[in-house]
Every structure is written in C-alpha cells, then in structure tokens.
C-alpha atoms as a PDB file:
ATOM      1  CA  MET A   1     -33.157-163.085-192.285  1.00  0.00           C
ATOM      2  CA  LYS A   2     -30.535-162.006-194.865  1.00  0.00           C
ATOM      3  CA  SER A   3     -27.563-159.842-194.873  1.00  0.00           C
ATOM      4  CA  PRO A   4     -27.909-156.309-196.506  1.00  0.00           C
ATOM      5  CA  LEU A   5     -24.476-155.757-196.395  1.00  0.00           C
ATOM      6  CA  ALA A   6     -20.909-157.573-196.867  1.00  0.00           C
ATOM      7  CA  GLY A   7     -19.201-157.353-194.037  1.00  0.00           C
ATOM      8  CA  ASN A   8     -17.564-159.059-190.741  1.00  0.00           C
ATOM      9  CA  ILE A   9     -20.058-160.034-188.103  1.00  0.00           C
ATOM     10  CA  VAL A  10     -18.873-158.084-184.556  1.00  0.00           C
ATOM     11  CA  ARG A  11     -21.044-159.565-181.858  1.00  0.00           C
ATOM     12  CA  VAL A  12     -24.403-161.756-182.186  1.00  0.00           C
ATOM     13  CA  GLU A  13     -27.437-160.442-179.718  1.00  0.00           C
ATOM     14  CA  VAL A  14     -29.074-163.370-179.870  1.00  0.00           C
ATOM     15  CA  ALA A  15     -29.074-167.129-179.891  1.00  0.00           C
ATOM     16  CA  ALA A  16     -31.457-169.792-181.084  1.00  0.00           C
ATOM     17  CA  GLY A  17     -35.179-170.672-179.077  1.00  0.00           C
ATOM     18  CA  ASP A  18     -34.790-166.520-177.820  1.00  0.00           C
ATOM     19  CA  ARG A  19     -37.676-164.508-178.234  1.00  0.00           C
ATOM     20  CA  VAL A  20     -37.537-161.338-179.993  1.00  0.00           C
ATOM     21  CA  ASN A  21     -39.649-158.892-180.406  1.00  0.00           C
ATOM     22  CA  GLU A  22     -39.513-156.465-183.836  1.00  0.00           C
ATOM     23  CA  GLY A  23     -37.177-153.776-183.536  1.00  0.00           C
ATOM     24  CA  ASP A  24     -34.471-155.584-181.502  1.00  0.00           C
ATOM     25  CA  ILE A  25     -31.175-155.286-181.871  1.00  0.00           C
ATOM     26  CA  LEU A  26     -29.879-158.729-183.430  1.00  0.00           C
ATOM     27  CA  ILE A  27     -26.620-159.054-184.568  1.00  0.00           C
ATOM     28  CA  ILE A  28     -23.741-156.006-184.978  1.00  0.00           C
ATOM     29  CA  LEU A  29     -22.316-156.273-188.010  1.00  0.00           C
ATOM     30  CA  GLU A  30     -18.895-154.273-189.361  1.00  0.00           C
ATOM     31  CA  ALA A  31     -18.944-153.087-193.098  1.00  0.00           C
ATOM     32  CA  MET A  32     -16.280-150.281-194.446  1.00  0.00           C
ATOM     33  CA  LYS A  33     -15.237-149.264-190.391  1.00  0.00           C
ATOM     34  CA  MET A  34     -18.690-148.806-189.463  1.00  0.00           C
ATOM     35  CA  GLU A  35     -20.822-150.706-187.309  1.00  0.00           C
ATOM     36  CA  THR A  36     -24.694-151.245-188.645  1.00  0.00           C
ATOM     37  CA  GLU A  37     -26.918-152.672-186.418  1.00  0.00           C
ATOM     38  CA  ILE A  38     -29.193-155.975-187.850  1.00  0.00           C
ATOM     39  CA  ARG A  39     -32.831-155.354-186.334  1.00  0.00           C
ATOM     40  CA  ALA A  40     -35.661-158.023-186.315  1.00  0.00           C
ATOM     41  CA  ALA A  41     -38.003-157.051-188.529  1.00  0.00           C
ATOM     42  CA  LYS A  42     -40.694-158.679-187.402  1.00  0.00           C
ATOM     43  CA  SER A  43     -41.530-160.418-184.047  1.00  0.00           C
ATOM     44  CA  GLY A  44     -41.234-164.048-182.590  1.00  0.00           C
ATOM     45  CA  LEU A  45     -38.669-167.039-181.966  1.00  0.00           C
ATOM     46  CA  VAL A  46     -35.162-167.209-182.936  1.00  0.00           C
ATOM     47  CA  GLY A  47     -35.016-170.467-184.846  1.00  0.00           C
ATOM     48  CA  SER A  48     -31.582-171.077-185.658  1.00  0.00           C
ATOM     49  CA  VAL A  49     -28.180-168.598-185.869  1.00  0.00           C
ATOM     50  CA  ALA A  50     -26.072-169.194-189.025  1.00  0.00           C
ATOM     51  CA  VAL A  51     -23.173-167.386-188.065  1.00  0.00           C
ATOM     52  CA  LYS A  52     -20.530-165.952-184.808  1.00  0.00           C
ATOM     53  CA  SER A  53     -18.502-163.327-184.029  1.00  0.00           C
ATOM     54  CA  GLY A  54     -15.431-162.825-186.926  1.00  0.00           C
ATOM     55  CA  ASP A  55     -17.191-164.096-189.723  1.00  0.00           C
ATOM     56  CA  ALA A  56     -17.336-162.745-192.447  1.00  0.00           C
ATOM     57  CA  VAL A  57     -20.455-162.372-194.962  1.00  0.00           C
ATOM     58  CA  ALA A  58     -21.689-161.829-198.583  1.00  0.00           C
ATOM     59  CA  VAL A  59     -25.222-159.929-199.329  1.00  0.00           C
ATOM     60  CA  GLY A  60     -27.586-162.165-199.223  1.00  0.00           C
ATOM     61  CA  ASP A  61     -26.224-164.561-196.764  1.00  0.00           C
ATOM     62  CA  ALA A  62     -28.700-166.128-194.397  1.00  0.00           C
ATOM     63  CA  LEU A  63     -27.762-164.900-190.700  1.00  0.00           C
ATOM     64  CA  LEU A  64     -30.214-166.096-188.720  1.00  0.00           C
ATOM     65  CA  THR A  65     -34.404-167.582-188.935  1.00  0.00           C
ATOM     66  CA  ILE A  66     -37.421-165.716-187.112  1.00  0.00           C
ATOM     67  CA  GLY A  67     -39.991-168.327-186.751  1.00  0.00           C
END
C-alpha cells in the first residue's frame, strides 16, 4: 500500500505477520493537523511494514504490503 497523502505517521496498528480484513485500520497518518485512518484495501496477511511512528511520508511512499 502507498501513502495517499504527505504527512507524519502517528501510529502503526499492525505488524508483519498480522492477519487483516478489508477495512481494518492499519496506520494513522497526520496531514495538516488532521488525522487520517489508512485502512486495508483487501484482506490478507501483512508482509512487511515500511514505516514507524514519527516517520514523514510523501504521496506514493510505500507504507506496507498485504499478501
């Protein structure tokens, strides 16, 4: 999954190996003083997480993989 906005990662709710369902909250991203929930686009297993709390991301940066 890629970042839909530029901002800072507030919280990562999942870890590699976690099973997620479509719509589950994966990451909380803060952009322009507003928190945005990044949700799973599909169900599956989290393969890797490329970000951690405090990281700054740009539009299109890789956040995590779901297999």
